[in-house]
């Protein structure tokens, strides 16, 4: 379970004032980014992330750092 960053903080970071994000949207974005990270690790032969970090935690940190955003069609 991811405690830091919090779900509420991730939802706020993912959305904007005009177009707020939902928890469902957060779940979809985190799942997609996590799958991308796993695929990249498999293709490059990397077995573990630094500090034994989980892929989902890295995806959440990338959202908080602004590296991953949500694009609505």
PDB file of N, CA and C in Angstrom:
ATOM      1  N   UNK A   1       0.830  -1.174   0.000  1.00  0.00           N
ATOM      2  CA  UNK A   1       0.000   0.000   0.000  1.00  0.00           C
ATOM      3  C   UNK A   1       0.877   1.240   0.000  1.00  0.00           C
ATOM      4  N   UNK A   2       0.492   2.215  -0.785  1.00  0.00           N
ATOM      5  CA  UNK A   2       1.257   3.440  -0.906  1.00  0.00           C
ATOM      6  C   UNK A   2       0.733   4.452   0.104  1.00  0.00           C
ATOM      7  N   UNK A   3       1.583   4.890   1.015  1.00  0.00           N
ATOM      8  CA  UNK A   3       1.184   5.891   2.006  1.00  0.00           C
ATOM      9  C   UNK A   3       1.704   7.275   1.658  1.00  0.00           C
ATOM     10  N   UNK A   4       2.853   7.342   1.065  1.00  0.00           N
ATOM     11  CA  UNK A   4       3.443   8.614   0.676  1.00  0.00           C
ATOM     12  C   UNK A   4       3.838   8.537  -0.782  1.00  0.00           C
ATOM     13  N   UNK A   5       3.408   9.399  -1.606  1.00  0.00           N
ATOM     14  CA  UNK A   5       2.489  10.500  -1.361  1.00  0.00           C
ATOM     15  C   UNK A   5       1.059   9.998  -1.176  1.00  0.00           C
ATOM     16  N   UNK A   6       0.242  10.796  -0.515  1.00  0.00           N
ATOM     17  CA  UNK A   6      -1.128  10.377  -0.228  1.00  0.00           C
ATOM     18  C   UNK A   6      -1.979  10.397  -1.495  1.00  0.00           C
ATOM     19  N   UNK A   7      -3.051   9.658  -1.471  1.00  0.00           N
ATOM     20  CA  UNK A   7      -3.960   9.582  -2.619  1.00  0.00           C
ATOM     21  C   UNK A   7      -4.545  10.960  -2.920  1.00  0.00           C
ATOM     22  N   UNK A   8      -4.934  11.678  -1.881  1.00  0.00           N
ATOM     23  CA  UNK A   8      -5.506  13.012  -2.091  1.00  0.00           C
ATOM     24  C   UNK A   8      -4.510  13.959  -2.742  1.00  0.00           C
ATOM     25  N   UNK A   9      -3.249  13.886  -2.322  1.00  0.00           N
ATOM     26  CA  UNK A   9      -2.210  14.735  -2.918  1.00  0.00           C
ATOM     27  C   UNK A   9      -2.001  14.364  -4.384  1.00  0.00           C
ATOM     28  N   UNK A  10      -2.022  13.079  -4.691  1.00  0.00           N
ATOM     29  CA  UNK A  10      -1.850  12.637  -6.078  1.00  0.00           C
ATOM     30  C   UNK A  10      -3.016  13.086  -6.948  1.00  0.00           C
ATOM     31  N   UNK A  11      -4.237  13.006  -6.418  1.00  0.00           N
ATOM     32  CA  UNK A  11      -5.416  13.446  -7.181  1.00  0.00           C
ATOM     33  C   UNK A  11      -5.319  14.941  -7.477  1.00  0.00           C
ATOM     34  N   UNK A  12      -4.933  15.733  -6.463  1.00  0.00           N
ATOM     35  CA  UNK A  12      -4.785  17.179  -6.668  1.00  0.00           C
ATOM     36  C   UNK A  12      -3.702  17.478  -7.698  1.00  0.00           C
ATOM     37  N   UNK A  13      -2.588  16.758  -7.632  1.00  0.00           N
ATOM     38  CA  UNK A  13      -1.473  16.994  -8.557  1.00  0.00           C
ATOM     39  C   UNK A  13      -1.845  16.605  -9.984  1.00  0.00           C
ATOM     40  N   UNK A  14      -2.625  15.556 -10.136  1.00  0.00           N
ATOM     41  CA  UNK A  14      -2.995  15.054 -11.460  1.00  0.00           C
ATOM     42  C   UNK A  14      -4.005  15.959 -12.145  1.00  0.00           C
ATOM     43  N   UNK A  15      -4.887  16.581 -11.383  1.00  0.00           N
ATOM     44  CA  UNK A  15      -5.920  17.434 -11.957  1.00  0.00           C
ATOM     45  C   UNK A  15      -5.535  18.900 -11.936  1.00  0.00           C
ATOM     46  N   UNK A  16      -6.465  19.724 -12.412  1.00  0.00           N
ATOM     47  CA  UNK A  16      -6.302  21.169 -12.384  1.00  0.00           C
ATOM     48  C   UNK A  16      -7.536  21.778 -11.748  1.00  0.00           C
ATOM     49  N   UNK A  17      -7.502  23.079 -11.510  1.00  0.00           N
ATOM     50  CA  UNK A  17      -8.673  23.753 -10.937  1.00  0.00           C
ATOM     51  C   UNK A  17      -9.875  23.644 -11.868  1.00  0.00           C
ATOM     52  N   UNK A  18      -9.648  23.827 -13.167  1.00  0.00           N
ATOM     53  CA  UNK A  18     -10.737  23.771 -14.141  1.00  0.00           C
ATOM     54  C   UNK A  18     -11.193  22.348 -14.423  1.00  0.00           C
ATOM     55  N   UNK A  19     -10.268  21.410 -14.319  1.00  0.00           N
ATOM     56  CA  UNK A  19     -10.557  20.032 -14.681  1.00  0.00           C
ATOM     57  C   UNK A  19      -9.978  19.091 -13.609  1.00  0.00           C
ATOM     58  N   UNK A  20     -10.657  18.962 -12.473  1.00  0.00           N
ATOM     59  CA  UNK A  20     -10.109  18.121 -11.402  1.00  0.00           C
ATOM     60  C   UNK A  20     -10.094  16.638 -11.778  1.00  0.00           C
ATOM     61  N   UNK A  21      -9.124  15.936 -11.236  1.00  0.00           N
ATOM     62  CA  UNK A  21      -9.002  14.500 -11.484  1.00  0.00           C
ATOM     63  C   UNK A  21      -9.846  13.740 -10.460  1.00  0.00           C
ATOM     64  N   UNK A  22     -10.189  12.518 -10.808  1.00  0.00           N
ATOM     65  CA  UNK A  22     -10.918  11.652  -9.881  1.00  0.00           C
ATOM     66  C   UNK A  22      -9.972  10.560  -9.394  1.00  0.00           C
ATOM     67  N   UNK A  23     -10.401   9.841  -8.382  1.00  0.00           N
ATOM     68  CA  UNK A  23      -9.606   8.721  -7.890  1.00  0.00           C
ATOM     69  C   UNK A  23      -9.516   7.619  -8.953  1.00  0.00           C
ATOM     70  N   UNK A  24     -10.575   7.457  -9.720  1.00  0.00           N
ATOM     71  CA  UNK A  24     -10.568   6.469 -10.798  1.00  0.00           C
ATOM     72  C   UNK A  24      -9.505   6.842 -11.839  1.00  0.00           C
ATOM     73  N   UNK A  25      -9.466   8.109 -12.206  1.00  0.00           N
ATOM     74  CA  UNK A  25      -8.464   8.564 -13.182  1.00  0.00           C
ATOM     75  C   UNK A  25      -7.059   8.327 -12.653  1.00  0.00           C
ATOM     76  N   UNK A  26      -6.855   8.618 -11.371  1.00  0.00           N
ATOM     77  CA  UNK A  26      -5.549   8.370 -10.756  1.00  0.00           C
ATOM     78  C   UNK A  26      -5.184   6.895 -10.858  1.00  0.00           C
ATOM     79  N   UNK A  27      -6.127   6.026 -10.563  1.00  0.00           N
ATOM     80  CA  UNK A  27      -5.892   4.589 -10.612  1.00  0.00           C
ATOM     81  C   UNK A  27      -5.473   4.151 -12.016  1.00  0.00           C
ATOM     82  N   UNK A  28      -6.155   4.662 -13.024  1.00  0.00           N
ATOM     83  CA  UNK A  28      -5.849   4.298 -14.412  1.00  0.00           C
ATOM     84  C   UNK A  28      -4.462   4.792 -14.798  1.00  0.00           C
ATOM     85  N   UNK A  29      -4.138   6.041 -14.459  1.00  0.00           N
ATOM     86  CA  UNK A  29      -2.835   6.618 -14.823  1.00  0.00           C
ATOM     87  C   UNK A  29      -1.708   5.865 -14.122  1.00  0.00           C
ATOM     88  N   UNK A  30      -1.870   5.582 -12.842  1.00  0.00           N
ATOM     89  CA  UNK A  30      -0.826   4.863 -12.101  1.00  0.00           C
ATOM     90  C   UNK A  30      -0.646   3.458 -12.663  1.00  0.00           C
ATOM     91  N   UNK A  31      -1.734   2.781 -12.982  1.00  0.00           N
ATOM     92  CA  UNK A  31      -1.641   1.423 -13.530  1.00  0.00           C
ATOM     93  C   UNK A  31      -0.924   1.416 -14.875  1.00  0.00           C
ATOM     94  N   UNK A  32      -1.262   2.365 -15.739  1.00  0.00           N
ATOM     95  CA  UNK A  32      -0.613   2.424 -17.053  1.00  0.00           C
ATOM     96  C   UNK A  32       0.877   2.711 -16.925  1.00  0.00           C
ATOM     97  N   UNK A  33       1.225   3.674 -16.051  1.00  0.00           N
ATOM     98  CA  UNK A  33       2.638   4.024 -15.890  1.00  0.00           C
ATOM     99  C   UNK A  33       3.410   2.873 -15.258  1.00  0.00           C
ATOM    100  N   UNK A  34       2.790   2.171 -14.320  1.00  0.00           N
ATOM    101  CA  UNK A  34       3.442   1.023 -13.692  1.00  0.00           C
ATOM    102  C   UNK A  34       3.735  -0.055 -14.725  1.00  0.00           C
ATOM    103  N   UNK A  35       2.777  -0.325 -15.602  1.00  0.00           N
ATOM    104  CA  UNK A  35       3.011  -1.313 -16.667  1.00  0.00           C
ATOM    105  C   UNK A  35       4.139  -0.870 -17.589  1.00  0.00           C
ATOM    106  N   UNK A  36       4.210   0.427 -17.905  1.00  0.00           N
ATOM    107  CA  UNK A  36       5.294   0.939 -18.746  1.00  0.00           C
ATOM    108  C   UNK A  36       6.651   0.727 -18.077  1.00  0.00           C
ATOM    109  N   UNK A  37       6.716   0.999 -16.781  1.00  0.00           N
ATOM    110  CA  UNK A  37       7.977   0.826 -16.046  1.00  0.00           C
ATOM    111  C   UNK A  37       8.395  -0.640 -16.058  1.00  0.00           C
ATOM    112  N   UNK A  38       7.458  -1.542 -15.831  1.00  0.00           N
ATOM    113  CA  UNK A  38       7.760  -2.980 -15.830  1.00  0.00           C
ATOM    114  C   UNK A  38       8.250  -3.413 -17.213  1.00  0.00           C
ATOM    115  N   UNK A  39       7.594  -2.958 -18.274  1.00  0.00           N
ATOM    116  CA  UNK A  39       8.009  -3.314 -19.635  1.00  0.00           C
ATOM    117  C   UNK A  39       9.401  -2.776 -19.931  1.00  0.00           C
ATOM    118  N   UNK A  40       9.697  -1.554 -19.501  1.00  0.00           N
ATOM    119  CA  UNK A  40      11.032  -0.987 -19.711  1.00  0.00           C
ATOM    120  C   UNK A  40      12.089  -1.793 -18.966  1.00  0.00           C
ATOM    121  N   UNK A  41      11.772  -2.200 -17.745  1.00  0.00           N
ATOM    122  CA  UNK A  41      12.723  -2.994 -16.971  1.00  0.00           C
ATOM    123  C   UNK A  41      12.987  -4.342 -17.638  1.00  0.00           C
ATOM    124  N   UNK A  42      11.939  -4.977 -18.158  1.00  0.00           N
ATOM    125  CA  UNK A  42      12.103  -6.269 -18.814  1.00  0.00           C
ATOM    126  C   UNK A  42      12.909  -6.141 -20.095  1.00  0.00           C
ATOM    127  N   UNK A  43      12.670  -5.066 -20.848  1.00  0.00           N
ATOM    128  CA  UNK A  43      13.378  -4.911 -22.117  1.00  0.00           C
ATOM    129  C   UNK A  43      14.851  -4.566 -21.924  1.00  0.00           C
ATOM    130  N   UNK A  44      15.186  -3.914 -20.822  1.00  0.00           N
ATOM    131  CA  UNK A  44      16.579  -3.553 -20.572  1.00  0.00           C
ATOM    132  C   UNK A  44      17.296  -4.559 -19.684  1.00  0.00           C
ATOM    133  N   UNK A  45      16.561  -5.518 -19.130  1.00  0.00           N
ATOM    134  CA  UNK A  45      17.171  -6.543 -18.292  1.00  0.00           C
ATOM    135  C   UNK A  45      17.392  -6.117 -16.850  1.00  0.00           C
ATOM    136  N   UNK A  46      16.812  -5.013 -16.447  1.00  0.00           N
ATOM    137  CA  UNK A  46      16.936  -4.557 -15.060  1.00  0.00           C
ATOM    138  C   UNK A  46      16.013  -5.403 -14.195  1.00  0.00           C
ATOM    139  N   UNK A  47      16.537  -5.908 -13.090  1.00  0.00           N
ATOM    140  CA  UNK A  47      15.729  -6.774 -12.225  1.00  0.00           C
ATOM    141  C   UNK A  47      15.096  -6.008 -11.075  1.00  0.00           C
ATOM    142  N   UNK A  48      15.813  -5.065 -10.481  1.00  0.00           N
ATOM    143  CA  UNK A  48      15.304  -4.325  -9.331  1.00  0.00           C
ATOM    144  C   UNK A  48      15.534  -2.835  -9.523  1.00  0.00           C
ATOM    145  N   UNK A  49      14.629  -2.054  -8.976  1.00  0.00           N
ATOM    146  CA  UNK A  49      14.794  -0.608  -8.957  1.00  0.00           C
ATOM    147  C   UNK A  49      15.713  -0.239  -7.796  1.00  0.00           C
ATOM    148  N   UNK A  50      16.307   0.952  -7.831  1.00  0.00           N
ATOM    149  CA  UNK A  50      17.161   1.363  -6.715  1.00  0.00           C
ATOM    150  C   UNK A  50      16.406   1.329  -5.388  1.00  0.00           C
ATOM    151  N   UNK A  51      17.091   0.951  -4.338  1.00  0.00           N
ATOM    152  CA  UNK A  51      16.533   0.874  -2.982  1.00  0.00           C
ATOM    153  C   UNK A  51      15.373  -0.113  -2.876  1.00  0.00           C
ATOM    154  N   UNK A  52      15.342  -1.124  -3.740  1.00  0.00           N
ATOM    155  CA  UNK A  52      14.284  -2.143  -3.727  1.00  0.00           C
ATOM    156  C   UNK A  52      12.891  -1.523  -3.801  1.00  0.00           C
ATOM    157  N   UNK A  53      12.805  -0.418  -4.502  1.00  0.00           N
ATOM    158  CA  UNK A  53      11.546   0.313  -4.645  1.00  0.00           C
ATOM    159  C   UNK A  53      10.598  -0.456  -5.571  1.00  0.00           C
ATOM    160  N   UNK A  54       9.315  -0.379  -5.306  1.00  0.00           N
ATOM    161  CA  UNK A  54       8.311  -1.018  -6.143  1.00  0.00           C
ATOM    162  C   UNK A  54       7.968  -0.102  -7.313  1.00  0.00           C
ATOM    163  N   UNK A  55       7.542  -0.702  -8.409  1.00  0.00           N
ATOM    164  CA  UNK A  55       7.224   0.046  -9.614  1.00  0.00           C
ATOM    165  C   UNK A  55       6.069   1.018  -9.394  1.00  0.00           C
ATOM    166  N   UNK A  56       5.072   0.601  -8.627  1.00  0.00           N
ATOM    167  CA  UNK A  56       3.913   1.460  -8.388  1.00  0.00           C
ATOM    168  C   UNK A  56       4.301   2.701  -7.572  1.00  0.00           C
ATOM    169  N   UNK A  57       5.242   2.554  -6.658  1.00  0.00           N
ATOM    170  CA  UNK A  57       5.708   3.693  -5.864  1.00  0.00           C
ATOM    171  C   UNK A  57       6.435   4.679  -6.773  1.00  0.00           C
ATOM    172  N   UNK A  58       7.236   4.171  -7.686  1.00  0.00           N
ATOM    173  CA  UNK A  58       7.932   5.032  -8.641  1.00  0.00           C
ATOM    174  C   UNK A  58       6.933   5.784  -9.511  1.00  0.00           C
ATOM    175  N   UNK A  59       5.887   5.112  -9.952  1.00  0.00           N
ATOM    176  CA  UNK A  59       4.858   5.761 -10.767  1.00  0.00           C
ATOM    177  C   UNK A  59       4.183   6.891  -9.991  1.00  0.00           C
ATOM    178  N   UNK A  60       3.885   6.660  -8.725  1.00  0.00           N
ATOM    179  CA  UNK A  60       3.255   7.699  -7.894  1.00  0.00           C
ATOM    180  C   UNK A  60       4.199   8.872  -7.666  1.00  0.00           C
ATOM    181  N   UNK A  61       5.469   8.590  -7.455  1.00  0.00           N
ATOM    182  CA  UNK A  61       6.443   9.666  -7.272  1.00  0.00           C
ATOM    183  C   UNK A  61       6.600  10.489  -8.541  1.00  0.00           C
ATOM    184  N   UNK A  62       6.528   9.838  -9.692  1.00  0.00           N
ATOM    185  CA  UNK A  62       6.622  10.568 -10.958  1.00  0.00           C
ATOM    186  C   UNK A  62       5.428  11.504 -11.138  1.00  0.00           C
ATOM    187  N   UNK A  63       4.251  11.095 -10.688  1.00  0.00           N
ATOM    188  CA  UNK A  63       3.082  11.975 -10.760  1.00  0.00           C
ATOM    189  C   UNK A  63       3.296  13.181  -9.855  1.00  0.00           C
ATOM    190  N   UNK A  64       3.770  12.952  -8.634  1.00  0.00           N
ATOM    191  CA  UNK A  64       3.998  14.056  -7.702  1.00  0.00           C
ATOM    192  C   UNK A  64       5.070  15.017  -8.202  1.00  0.00           C
ATOM    193  N   UNK A  65       6.058  14.507  -8.918  1.00  0.00           N
ATOM    194  CA  UNK A  65       7.129  15.350  -9.454  1.00  0.00           C
ATOM    195  C   UNK A  65       6.747  16.032 -10.762  1.00  0.00           C
ATOM    196  N   UNK A  66       5.553  15.731 -11.273  1.00  0.00           N
ATOM    197  CA  UNK A  66       5.099  16.353 -12.507  1.00  0.00           C
ATOM    198  C   UNK A  66       5.632  15.717 -13.774  1.00  0.00           C
ATOM    199  N   UNK A  67       6.268  14.571 -13.657  1.00  0.00           N
ATOM    200  CA  UNK A  67       6.813  13.877 -14.829  1.00  0.00           C
ATOM    201  C   UNK A  67       5.740  13.124 -15.598  1.00  0.00           C
ATOM    202  N   UNK A  68       4.637  12.781 -14.929  1.00  0.00           N
ATOM    203  CA  UNK A  68       3.531  12.047 -15.551  1.00  0.00           C
ATOM    204  C   UNK A  68       2.269  12.870 -15.363  1.00  0.00           C
ATOM    205  N   UNK A  69       1.529  13.049 -16.452  1.00  0.00           N
ATOM    206  CA  UNK A  69       0.274  13.773 -16.393  1.00  0.00           C
ATOM    207  C   UNK A  69      -0.819  12.970 -17.075  1.00  0.00           C
ATOM    208  N   UNK A  70      -2.029  13.429 -16.936  1.00  0.00           N
ATOM    209  CA  UNK A  70      -3.174  12.773 -17.563  1.00  0.00           C
ATOM    210  C   UNK A  70      -3.650  13.622 -18.723  1.00  0.00           C
ATOM    211  N   UNK A  71      -3.893  12.976 -19.852  1.00  0.00           N
ATOM    212  CA  UNK A  71      -4.397  13.673 -21.032  1.00  0.00           C
ATOM    213  C   UNK A  71      -5.793  13.138 -21.305  1.00  0.00           C
ATOM    214  N   UNK A  72      -6.748  14.044 -21.346  1.00  0.00           N
ATOM    215  CA  UNK A  72      -8.123  13.635 -21.605  1.00  0.00           C
ATOM    216  C   UNK A  72      -8.456  13.873 -23.072  1.00  0.00           C
ATOM    217  N   UNK A  73      -9.120  12.903 -23.661  1.00  0.00           N
ATOM    218  CA  UNK A  73      -9.481  13.009 -25.075  1.00  0.00           C
ATOM    219  C   UNK A  73     -10.731  13.831 -25.259  1.00  0.00           C
TER     220      UNK A  73
END
